[in-house]
C-alpha atoms as a PDB file:
ATOM      1  CA  UNK A   1     -10.940 -37.670  15.047  1.00  0.00           C
ATOM      2  CA  UNK A   2      -8.199 -38.138  12.441  1.00  0.00           C
ATOM      3  CA  UNK A   3      -4.730 -38.492  13.916  1.00  0.00           C
ATOM      4  CA  UNK A   4      -1.998 -36.654  11.969  1.00  0.00           C
ATOM      5  CA  UNK A   5       0.459 -39.043  10.308  1.00  0.00           C
ATOM      6  CA  UNK A   6       4.105 -37.963  10.486  1.00  0.00           C
ATOM      7  CA  UNK A   7       7.145 -39.694   9.034  1.00  0.00           C
ATOM      8  CA  UNK A   8      10.729 -39.284  10.185  1.00  0.00           C
ATOM      9  CA  UNK A   9      13.568 -40.243   7.861  1.00  0.00           C
ATOM     10  CA  UNK A  10      16.678 -40.261  10.008  1.00  0.00           C
ATOM     11  CA  UNK A  11      19.168 -42.378  11.939  1.00  0.00           C
ATOM     12  CA  UNK A  12      18.756 -44.480  15.057  1.00  0.00           C
ATOM     13  CA  UNK A  13      20.317 -43.376  18.353  1.00  0.00           C
ATOM     14  CA  UNK A  14      20.729 -46.487  20.495  1.00  0.00           C
ATOM     15  CA  UNK A  15      20.917 -44.331  23.642  1.00  0.00           C
ATOM     16  CA  UNK A  16      17.381 -43.064  22.992  1.00  0.00           C
ATOM     17  CA  UNK A  17      18.271 -39.380  23.180  1.00  0.00           C
ATOM     18  CA  UNK A  18      18.258 -38.126  19.600  1.00  0.00           C
ATOM     19  CA  UNK A  19      17.486 -39.266  16.076  1.00  0.00           C
ATOM     20  CA  UNK A  20      14.571 -41.558  15.327  1.00  0.00           C
ATOM     21  CA  UNK A  21      13.926 -42.146  19.028  1.00  0.00           C
ATOM     22  CA  UNK A  22      13.657 -38.432  19.826  1.00  0.00           C
ATOM     23  CA  UNK A  23      11.462 -37.829  16.791  1.00  0.00           C
ATOM     24  CA  UNK A  24       8.942 -40.501  17.730  1.00  0.00           C
ATOM     25  CA  UNK A  25       8.667 -39.143  21.263  1.00  0.00           C
ATOM     26  CA  UNK A  26       8.092 -35.627  19.944  1.00  0.00           C
ATOM     27  CA  UNK A  27       5.425 -36.890  17.541  1.00  0.00           C
ATOM     28  CA  UNK A  28       3.652 -38.587  20.446  1.00  0.00           C
ATOM     29  CA  UNK A  29       3.982 -35.419  22.532  1.00  0.00           C
ATOM     30  CA  UNK A  30       2.175 -33.546  19.736  1.00  0.00           C
ATOM     31  CA  UNK A  31      -0.603 -36.121  19.385  1.00  0.00           C
ATOM     32  CA  UNK A  32       0.548 -37.541  16.045  1.00  0.00           C
ATOM     33  CA  UNK A  33       1.066 -41.067  14.757  1.00  0.00           C
ATOM     34  CA  UNK A  34       4.783 -41.434  14.143  1.00  0.00           C
ATOM     35  CA  UNK A  35       6.404 -43.606  11.483  1.00  0.00           C
ATOM     36  CA  UNK A  36      10.109 -44.063  10.870  1.00  0.00           C
ATOM     37  CA  UNK A  37      12.467 -44.842   8.029  1.00  0.00           C
ATOM     38  CA  UNK A  38      15.944 -45.594   9.347  1.00  0.00           C
ATOM     39  CA  UNK A  39      18.848 -44.628   7.077  1.00  0.00           C
ATOM     40  CA  UNK A  40      21.712 -45.443   9.454  1.00  0.00           C
ATOM     41  CA  UNK A  41      22.383 -47.072  12.810  1.00  0.00           C
ATOM     42  CA  UNK A  42      24.646 -45.256  15.237  1.00  0.00           C
ATOM     43  CA  UNK A  43      26.490 -46.567  18.255  1.00  0.00           C
ATOM     44  CA  UNK A  44      26.367 -43.589  20.589  1.00  0.00           C
ATOM     45  CA  UNK A  45      25.674 -42.399  24.110  1.00  0.00           C
ATOM     46  CA  UNK A  46      25.721 -39.072  25.924  1.00  0.00           C
ATOM     47  CA  UNK A  47      29.489 -38.807  25.462  1.00  0.00           C
ATOM     48  CA  UNK A  48      30.382 -39.985  21.961  1.00  0.00           C
ATOM     49  CA  UNK A  49      29.431 -41.590  18.664  1.00  0.00           C
ATOM     50  CA  UNK A  50      31.598 -44.668  18.220  1.00  0.00           C
ATOM     51  CA  UNK A  51      30.264 -46.151  14.993  1.00  0.00           C
ATOM     52  CA  UNK A  52      27.842 -45.493  12.132  1.00  0.00           C
ATOM     53  CA  UNK A  53      26.401 -48.249   9.942  1.00  0.00           C
ATOM     54  CA  UNK A  54      24.597 -47.127   6.789  1.00  0.00           C
ATOM     55  CA  UNK A  55      21.452 -48.891   5.648  1.00  0.00           C
ATOM     56  CA  UNK A  56      21.657 -49.781   1.941  1.00  0.00           C
ATOM     57  CA  UNK A  57      19.951 -47.031  -0.111  1.00  0.00           C
ATOM     58  CA  UNK A  58      17.674 -49.555  -1.814  1.00  0.00           C
ATOM     59  CA  UNK A  59      16.348 -50.655   1.575  1.00  0.00           C
ATOM     60  CA  UNK A  60      15.790 -47.026   2.581  1.00  0.00           C
ATOM     61  CA  UNK A  61      13.689 -46.639  -0.561  1.00  0.00           C
ATOM     62  CA  UNK A  62      11.823 -49.857   0.242  1.00  0.00           C
ATOM     63  CA  UNK A  63      10.982 -48.564   3.722  1.00  0.00           C
ATOM     64  CA  UNK A  64       9.718 -45.270   2.318  1.00  0.00           C
ATOM     65  CA  UNK A  65       7.554 -46.903  -0.324  1.00  0.00           C
ATOM     66  CA  UNK A  66       6.133 -49.452   2.143  1.00  0.00           C
ATOM     67  CA  UNK A  67       4.971 -46.762   4.567  1.00  0.00           C
ATOM     68  CA  UNK A  68       3.796 -44.153   2.090  1.00  0.00           C
ATOM     69  CA  UNK A  69       2.029 -46.547  -0.290  1.00  0.00           C
ATOM     70  CA  UNK A  70      -0.086 -47.951   2.552  1.00  0.00           C
ATOM     71  CA  UNK A  71      -0.507 -45.524   5.462  1.00  0.00           C
ATOM     72  CA  UNK A  72       0.614 -42.312   3.782  1.00  0.00           C
ATOM     73  CA  UNK A  73       1.744 -39.226   5.674  1.00  0.00           C
ATOM     74  CA  UNK A  74       0.530 -35.704   6.327  1.00  0.00           C
ATOM     75  CA  UNK A  75       4.100 -34.426   6.768  1.00  0.00           C
ATOM     76  CA  UNK A  76       7.642 -35.735   6.934  1.00  0.00           C
ATOM     77  CA  UNK A  77      10.965 -34.671   8.377  1.00  0.00           C
ATOM     78  CA  UNK A  78      14.549 -35.646   7.783  1.00  0.00           C
ATOM     79  CA  UNK A  79      17.330 -35.784  10.329  1.00  0.00           C
ATOM     80  CA  UNK A  80      20.799 -37.301  10.120  1.00  0.00           C
ATOM     81  CA  UNK A  81      21.150 -38.608   6.555  1.00  0.00           C
ATOM     82  CA  UNK A  82      24.937 -39.095   6.688  1.00  0.00           C
ATOM     83  CA  UNK A  83      25.869 -39.691   3.027  1.00  0.00           C
ATOM     84  CA  UNK A  84      25.103 -38.561  -0.511  1.00  0.00           C
ATOM     85  CA  UNK A  85      23.698 -41.940  -1.666  1.00  0.00           C
ATOM     86  CA  UNK A  86      21.252 -41.950   1.245  1.00  0.00           C
ATOM     87  CA  UNK A  87      20.142 -38.393   0.447  1.00  0.00           C
ATOM     88  CA  UNK A  88      19.619 -39.327  -3.201  1.00  0.00           C
ATOM     89  CA  UNK A  89      17.447 -42.305  -2.201  1.00  0.00           C
ATOM     90  CA  UNK A  90      15.309 -40.129   0.076  1.00  0.00           C
ATOM     91  CA  UNK A  91      14.876 -37.399  -2.535  1.00  0.00           C
ATOM     92  CA  UNK A  92      13.871 -39.886  -5.231  1.00  0.00           C
ATOM     93  CA  UNK A  93      11.182 -41.325  -2.969  1.00  0.00           C
ATOM     94  CA  UNK A  94       9.794 -38.009  -1.691  1.00  0.00           C
ATOM     95  CA  UNK A  95       9.946 -35.840  -4.828  1.00  0.00           C
ATOM     96  CA  UNK A  96       6.566 -36.958  -6.161  1.00  0.00           C
ATOM     97  CA  UNK A  97       4.809 -37.275  -2.790  1.00  0.00           C
ATOM     98  CA  UNK A  98       4.065 -33.551  -2.302  1.00  0.00           C
ATOM     99  CA  UNK A  99       4.320 -33.682   1.496  1.00  0.00           C
ATOM    100  CA  UNK A 100       5.175 -30.811   3.807  1.00  0.00           C
ATOM    101  CA  UNK A 101       8.831 -31.612   4.490  1.00  0.00           C
ATOM    102  CA  UNK A 102      10.956 -30.360   7.372  1.00  0.00           C
ATOM    103  CA  UNK A 103      14.690 -30.750   6.757  1.00  0.00           C
ATOM    104  CA  UNK A 104      16.846 -30.714   9.868  1.00  0.00           C
ATOM    105  CA  UNK A 105      20.384 -30.627   8.409  1.00  0.00           C
ATOM    106  CA  UNK A 106      22.076 -32.537  11.218  1.00  0.00           C
ATOM    107  CA  UNK A 107      25.808 -32.112  10.724  1.00  0.00           C
ATOM    108  CA  UNK A 108      27.508 -32.521  14.117  1.00  0.00           C
ATOM    109  CA  UNK A 109      26.470 -34.406  17.262  1.00  0.00           C
ATOM    110  CA  UNK A 110      26.460 -32.766  20.696  1.00  0.00           C
ATOM    111  CA  UNK A 111      29.576 -34.837  21.391  1.00  0.00           C
ATOM    112  CA  UNK A 112      31.341 -33.210  18.430  1.00  0.00           C
ATOM    113  CA  UNK A 113      31.171 -36.204  16.060  1.00  0.00           C
ATOM    114  CA  UNK A 114      30.490 -35.378  12.393  1.00  0.00           C
ATOM    115  CA  UNK A 115      27.163 -36.814  11.272  1.00  0.00           C
ATOM    116  CA  UNK A 116      27.195 -35.641   7.659  1.00  0.00           C
ATOM    117  CA  UNK A 117      29.957 -36.642   5.281  1.00  0.00           C
ATOM    118  CA  UNK A 118      31.650 -33.901   3.282  1.00  0.00           C
ATOM    119  CA  UNK A 119      30.344 -35.330   0.008  1.00  0.00           C
ATOM    120  CA  UNK A 120      26.798 -35.163   1.346  1.00  0.00           C
ATOM    121  CA  UNK A 121      26.698 -31.386   1.874  1.00  0.00           C
ATOM    122  CA  UNK A 122      26.298 -30.640  -1.829  1.00  0.00           C
ATOM    123  CA  UNK A 123      23.564 -33.279  -2.128  1.00  0.00           C
ATOM    124  CA  UNK A 124      21.785 -31.746   0.838  1.00  0.00           C
ATOM    125  CA  UNK A 125      21.836 -28.275  -0.734  1.00  0.00           C
ATOM    126  CA  UNK A 126      21.143 -29.173  -4.345  1.00  0.00           C
ATOM    127  CA  UNK A 127      18.793 -32.151  -3.990  1.00  0.00           C
ATOM    128  CA  UNK A 128      17.022 -32.016  -0.612  1.00  0.00           C
ATOM    129  CA  UNK A 129      16.640 -28.275   0.030  1.00  0.00           C
ATOM    130  CA  UNK A 130      14.613 -27.685  -3.167  1.00  0.00           C
ATOM    131  CA  UNK A 131      11.884 -30.094  -1.999  1.00  0.00           C
ATOM    132  CA  UNK A 132      11.862 -28.798   1.595  1.00  0.00           C
ATOM    133  CA  UNK A 133       9.002 -26.802   3.025  1.00  0.00           C
ATOM    134  CA  UNK A 134      11.332 -25.474   5.726  1.00  0.00           C
ATOM    135  CA  UNK A 135      14.891 -26.142   6.872  1.00  0.00           C
ATOM    136  CA  UNK A 136      15.833 -25.880  10.558  1.00  0.00           C
ATOM    137  CA  UNK A 137      19.597 -25.496  11.102  1.00  0.00           C
ATOM    138  CA  UNK A 138      21.109 -24.208  14.300  1.00  0.00           C
ATOM    139  CA  UNK A 139      23.506 -21.272  14.023  1.00  0.00           C
ATOM    140  CA  UNK A 140      26.745 -23.229  13.332  1.00  0.00           C
ATOM    141  CA  UNK A 141      24.945 -25.392  10.759  1.00  0.00           C
ATOM    142  CA  UNK A 142      23.512 -22.324   9.025  1.00  0.00           C
ATOM    143  CA  UNK A 143      26.952 -20.745   8.921  1.00  0.00           C
ATOM    144  CA  UNK A 144      28.535 -23.905   7.520  1.00  0.00           C
ATOM    145  CA  UNK A 145      25.853 -24.384   4.868  1.00  0.00           C
ATOM    146  CA  UNK A 146      25.899 -20.776   3.662  1.00  0.00           C
ATOM    147  CA  UNK A 147      29.590 -20.000   4.129  1.00  0.00           C
ATOM    148  CA  UNK A 148      28.644 -16.835   6.022  1.00  0.00           C
ATOM    149  CA  UNK A 149      30.550 -16.069   9.235  1.00  0.00           C
ATOM    150  CA  UNK A 150      27.798 -14.090  10.899  1.00  0.00           C
ATOM    151  CA  UNK A 151      25.359 -14.404  13.778  1.00  0.00           C
ATOM    152  CA  UNK A 152      22.734 -12.452  11.825  1.00  0.00           C
ATOM    153  CA  UNK A 153      20.012 -15.088  11.647  1.00  0.00           C
ATOM    154  CA  UNK A 154      17.923 -13.049   9.214  1.00  0.00           C
ATOM    155  CA  UNK A 155      20.802 -12.911   6.753  1.00  0.00           C
ATOM    156  CA  UNK A 156      21.488 -16.619   7.176  1.00  0.00           C
ATOM    157  CA  UNK A 157      17.826 -17.513   6.715  1.00  0.00           C
ATOM    158  CA  UNK A 158      17.658 -15.452   3.528  1.00  0.00           C
ATOM    159  CA  UNK A 159      20.719 -17.226   2.135  1.00  0.00           C
ATOM    160  CA  UNK A 160      19.256 -20.631   3.010  1.00  0.00           C
ATOM    161  CA  UNK A 161      16.077 -19.791   1.118  1.00  0.00           C
ATOM    162  CA  UNK A 162      18.214 -18.622  -1.793  1.00  0.00           C
ATOM    163  CA  UNK A 163      19.767 -22.109  -1.728  1.00  0.00           C
ATOM    164  CA  UNK A 164      16.380 -23.532  -2.658  1.00  0.00           C
ATOM    165  CA  UNK A 165      14.322 -24.074   0.508  1.00  0.00           C
ATOM    166  CA  UNK A 166      10.937 -22.395   0.640  1.00  0.00           C
ATOM    167  CA  UNK A 167      11.502 -21.273   4.239  1.00  0.00           C
ATOM    168  CA  UNK A 168      14.179 -21.434   6.907  1.00  0.00           C
ATOM    169  CA  UNK A 169      14.249 -21.310  10.697  1.00  0.00           C
ATOM    170  CA  UNK A 170      17.664 -20.603  12.201  1.00  0.00           C
ATOM    171  CA  UNK A 171      17.209 -21.801  15.755  1.00  0.00           C
ATOM    172  CA  UNK A 172      18.201 -19.811  18.794  1.00  0.00           C
ATOM    173  CA  UNK A 173      20.252 -22.135  20.956  1.00  0.00           C
ATOM    174  CA  UNK A 174      23.637 -20.772  19.863  1.00  0.00           C
ATOM    175  CA  UNK A 175      25.042 -17.276  19.721  1.00  0.00           C
ATOM    176  CA  UNK A 176      24.283 -14.093  21.607  1.00  0.00           C
ATOM    177  CA  UNK A 177      20.566 -13.642  21.038  1.00  0.00           C
ATOM    178  CA  UNK A 178      18.049 -16.285  22.190  1.00  0.00           C
ATOM    179  CA  UNK A 179      15.642 -16.168  19.267  1.00  0.00           C
ATOM    180  CA  UNK A 180      14.444 -18.506  16.545  1.00  0.00           C
ATOM    181  CA  UNK A 181      14.343 -16.614  13.250  1.00  0.00           C
ATOM    182  CA  UNK A 182      11.881 -17.643  10.541  1.00  0.00           C
ATOM    183  CA  UNK A 183      12.033 -16.415   6.954  1.00  0.00           C
ATOM    184  CA  UNK A 184       9.404 -17.722   4.551  1.00  0.00           C
ATOM    185  CA  UNK A 185      10.748 -16.047   1.434  1.00  0.00           C
ATOM    186  CA  UNK A 186       8.763 -12.866   2.108  1.00  0.00           C
ATOM    187  CA  UNK A 187       8.374 -12.246   5.832  1.00  0.00           C
ATOM    188  CA  UNK A 188      10.875 -12.292   8.684  1.00  0.00           C
ATOM    189  CA  UNK A 189       9.554 -13.443  12.077  1.00  0.00           C
ATOM    190  CA  UNK A 190      11.481 -13.510  15.350  1.00  0.00           C
ATOM    191  CA  UNK A 191      10.313 -16.058  17.913  1.00  0.00           C
ATOM    192  CA  UNK A 192      11.801 -14.991  21.270  1.00  0.00           C
ATOM    193  CA  UNK A 193      12.973 -17.871  23.426  1.00  0.00           C
ATOM    194  CA  UNK A 194      14.475 -18.369  26.875  1.00  0.00           C
ATOM    195  CA  UNK A 195      17.472 -20.509  27.767  1.00  0.00           C
ATOM    196  CA  UNK A 196      17.813 -22.884  30.681  1.00  0.00           C
ATOM    197  CA  UNK A 197      20.955 -23.931  32.495  1.00  0.00           C
ATOM    198  CA  UNK A 198      20.593 -27.671  32.129  1.00  0.00           C
ATOM    199  CA  UNK A 199      23.035 -30.317  30.952  1.00  0.00           C
ATOM    200  CA  UNK A 200      20.341 -32.387  29.237  1.00  0.00           C
ATOM    201  CA  UNK A 201      20.090 -31.224  25.658  1.00  0.00           C
ATOM    202  CA  UNK A 202      20.786 -34.411  23.702  1.00  0.00           C
ATOM    203  CA  UNK A 203      18.054 -34.527  21.048  1.00  0.00           C
ATOM    204  CA  UNK A 204      16.901 -30.912  21.374  1.00  0.00           C
ATOM    205  CA  UNK A 205      17.275 -30.134  17.685  1.00  0.00           C
ATOM    206  CA  UNK A 206      15.564 -33.368  16.661  1.00  0.00           C
ATOM    207  CA  UNK A 207      12.701 -32.634  19.036  1.00  0.00           C
ATOM    208  CA  UNK A 208      12.263 -29.144  17.596  1.00  0.00           C
ATOM    209  CA  UNK A 209      12.118 -30.292  13.970  1.00  0.00           C
ATOM    210  CA  UNK A 210       9.868 -33.249  14.814  1.00  0.00           C
ATOM    211  CA  UNK A 211       7.409 -31.020  16.688  1.00  0.00           C
ATOM    212  CA  UNK A 212       7.446 -28.646  13.730  1.00  0.00           C
ATOM    213  CA  UNK A 213       6.623 -31.488  11.326  1.00  0.00           C
ATOM    214  CA  UNK A 214       3.844 -32.788  13.584  1.00  0.00           C
ATOM    215  CA  UNK A 215       2.345 -29.308  13.787  1.00  0.00           C
ATOM    216  CA  UNK A 216       2.413 -28.903  10.007  1.00  0.00           C
ATOM    217  CA  UNK A 217       0.783 -32.319   9.692  1.00  0.00           C
ATOM    218  CA  UNK A 218      -2.013 -31.075  11.934  1.00  0.00           C
ATOM    219  CA  UNK A 219      -2.644 -28.199   9.524  1.00  0.00           C
ATOM    220  CA  UNK A 220      -1.001 -25.350  11.427  1.00  0.00           C
ATOM    221  CA  UNK A 221       0.342 -22.360   9.473  1.00  0.00           C
ATOM    222  CA  UNK A 222       4.145 -22.335   9.425  1.00  0.00           C
ATOM    223  CA  UNK A 223       4.578 -19.468  11.886  1.00  0.00           C
ATOM    224  CA  UNK A 224       2.247 -21.081  14.431  1.00  0.00           C
ATOM    225  CA  UNK A 225       3.965 -24.437  13.932  1.00  0.00           C
ATOM    226  CA  UNK A 226       7.346 -22.760  14.518  1.00  0.00           C
ATOM    227  CA  UNK A 227       6.152 -21.239  17.787  1.00  0.00           C
ATOM    228  CA  UNK A 228       4.781 -24.578  18.951  1.00  0.00           C
ATOM    229  CA  UNK A 229       8.017 -26.357  18.017  1.00  0.00           C
ATOM    230  CA  UNK A 230      10.053 -23.869  20.051  1.00  0.00           C
ATOM    231  CA  UNK A 231       7.746 -24.417  23.020  1.00  0.00           C
ATOM    232  CA  UNK A 232       7.855 -28.213  22.838  1.00  0.00           C
ATOM    233  CA  UNK A 233      11.639 -28.347  22.424  1.00  0.00           C
ATOM    234  CA  UNK A 234      12.214 -25.798  25.161  1.00  0.00           C
ATOM    235  CA  UNK A 235      10.045 -27.640  27.659  1.00  0.00           C
ATOM    236  CA  UNK A 236      11.758 -30.906  26.749  1.00  0.00           C
ATOM    237  CA  UNK A 237      15.092 -29.316  27.688  1.00  0.00           C
ATOM    238  CA  UNK A 238      13.678 -27.646  30.779  1.00  0.00           C
ATOM    239  CA  UNK A 239      12.621 -31.045  32.088  1.00  0.00           C
ATOM    240  CA  UNK A 240      15.645 -32.865  30.668  1.00  0.00           C
ATOM    241  CA  UNK A 241      16.947 -36.068  32.219  1.00  0.00           C
ATOM    242  CA  UNK A 242      20.160 -34.752  33.718  1.00  0.00           C
ATOM    243  CA  UNK A 243      20.678 -37.946  35.718  1.00  0.00           C
ATOM    244  CA  UNK A 244      21.104 -40.126  32.622  1.00  0.00           C
ATOM    245  CA  UNK A 245      24.656 -40.555  31.358  1.00  0.00           C
ATOM    246  CA  UNK A 246      27.831 -38.668  32.153  1.00  0.00           C
ATOM    247  CA  UNK A 247      27.625 -36.315  29.155  1.00  0.00           C
ATOM    248  CA  UNK A 248      24.699 -34.334  27.762  1.00  0.00           C
ATOM    249  CA  UNK A 249      21.615 -36.102  29.084  1.00  0.00           C
ATOM    250  CA  UNK A 250      18.579 -36.557  26.836  1.00  0.00           C
ATOM    251  CA  UNK A 251      15.738 -34.088  26.614  1.00  0.00           C
ATOM    252  CA  UNK A 252      12.389 -35.229  27.992  1.00  0.00           C
ATOM    253  CA  UNK A 253       9.707 -34.559  25.385  1.00  0.00           C
ATOM    254  CA  UNK A 254       7.156 -36.675  27.245  1.00  0.00           C
ATOM    255  CA  UNK A 255       7.577 -34.954  30.614  1.00  0.00           C
ATOM    256  CA  UNK A 256       3.870 -34.029  30.623  1.00  0.00           C
ATOM    257  CA  UNK A 257       3.001 -37.729  30.681  1.00  0.00           C
ATOM    258  CA  UNK A 258       5.263 -38.389  33.672  1.00  0.00           C
ATOM    259  CA  UNK A 259       5.183 -37.320  37.295  1.00  0.00           C
ATOM    260  CA  UNK A 260       6.543 -33.826  36.758  1.00  0.00           C
ATOM    261  CA  UNK A 261       9.402 -34.422  39.175  1.00  0.00           C
ATOM    262  CA  UNK A 262      11.856 -32.314  37.165  1.00  0.00           C
ATOM    263  CA  UNK A 263      10.792 -29.075  38.831  1.00  0.00           C
ATOM    264  CA  UNK A 264      11.351 -25.498  37.703  1.00  0.00           C
ATOM    265  CA  UNK A 265      14.597 -24.222  36.223  1.00  0.00           C
ATOM    266  CA  UNK A 266      15.065 -20.464  35.856  1.00  0.00           C
ATOM    267  CA  UNK A 267      15.855 -19.045  32.413  1.00  0.00           C
ATOM    268  CA  UNK A 268      19.269 -17.515  31.856  1.00  0.00           C
ATOM    269  CA  UNK A 269      20.364 -14.608  29.756  1.00  0.00           C
ATOM    270  CA  UNK A 270      23.624 -16.217  28.693  1.00  0.00           C
ATOM    271  CA  UNK A 271      24.050 -18.488  25.730  1.00  0.00           C
ATOM    272  CA  UNK A 272      24.022 -22.260  25.632  1.00  0.00           C
ATOM    273  CA  UNK A 273      23.402 -23.943  22.265  1.00  0.00           C
ATOM    274  CA  UNK A 274      20.863 -26.466  21.062  1.00  0.00           C
ATOM    275  CA  UNK A 275      22.512 -29.862  20.541  1.00  0.00           C
ATOM    276  CA  UNK A 276      25.340 -28.708  22.834  1.00  0.00           C
ATOM    277  CA  UNK A 277      24.371 -27.192  26.169  1.00  0.00           C
ATOM    278  CA  UNK A 278      20.769 -26.040  25.948  1.00  0.00           C
ATOM    279  CA  UNK A 279      17.730 -25.533  23.817  1.00  0.00           C
ATOM    280  CA  UNK A 280      15.197 -22.833  24.160  1.00  0.00           C
ATOM    281  CA  UNK A 281      11.679 -22.196  25.371  1.00  0.00           C
ATOM    282  CA  UNK A 282       9.377 -19.234  24.676  1.00  0.00           C
END
């Protein structure tokens, strides 16, 4: 059996909740071989981000070439890219690779810290979106990227595709309606989700986009991959590690490999956002 190869290009979270660490756990949860290119190191925990150290763009490019020239990849995803020079380095390396690419436009941490510099937003839209297979912002990110002050996920997804992405999923953790909305340039698809009252959502968005990339690497059609990603991320929140840290605890993508001690948590009808208070499950 061939194991899907999935590459994450993102930043390290030393607390193990989000970023590269969350992505690799989600890849493993989905039965894929995970590889990582680190673009920045963060000093963070469940409460705050205290420092960010950028990796030199030339070393980011060296990491990408080393992995892709040898092992290759069946899909890739990006997470926190932080600055315009880092985005440019990633785009230059991936443009000719023709990989399914999931772009998670990480802009703000669950603690409120900005994770994308102002000068990087234009690079994200004009350089990275055009090579993306699908972009996966949450509601506030979609609003910020499009300039639209609306909770209409269909409208936001259409605008994101107009920005250059081939497809967009506006995730359902924020706002009034618990639904992931997918627009592939032609069809609109709602993926109903349930919310859980759990203060362990650190890494939920990363887990969603990583599961989506792993599913695309395995050959799933986009809509099926989107449903699987919602399920994996939702279950990771449902079984989140609430006992770790004093802030938002990390999600638990590998709960199925553990002892299942987390127990059941009933879904709620009220809102609680991904990367802030909750993610979603179908």
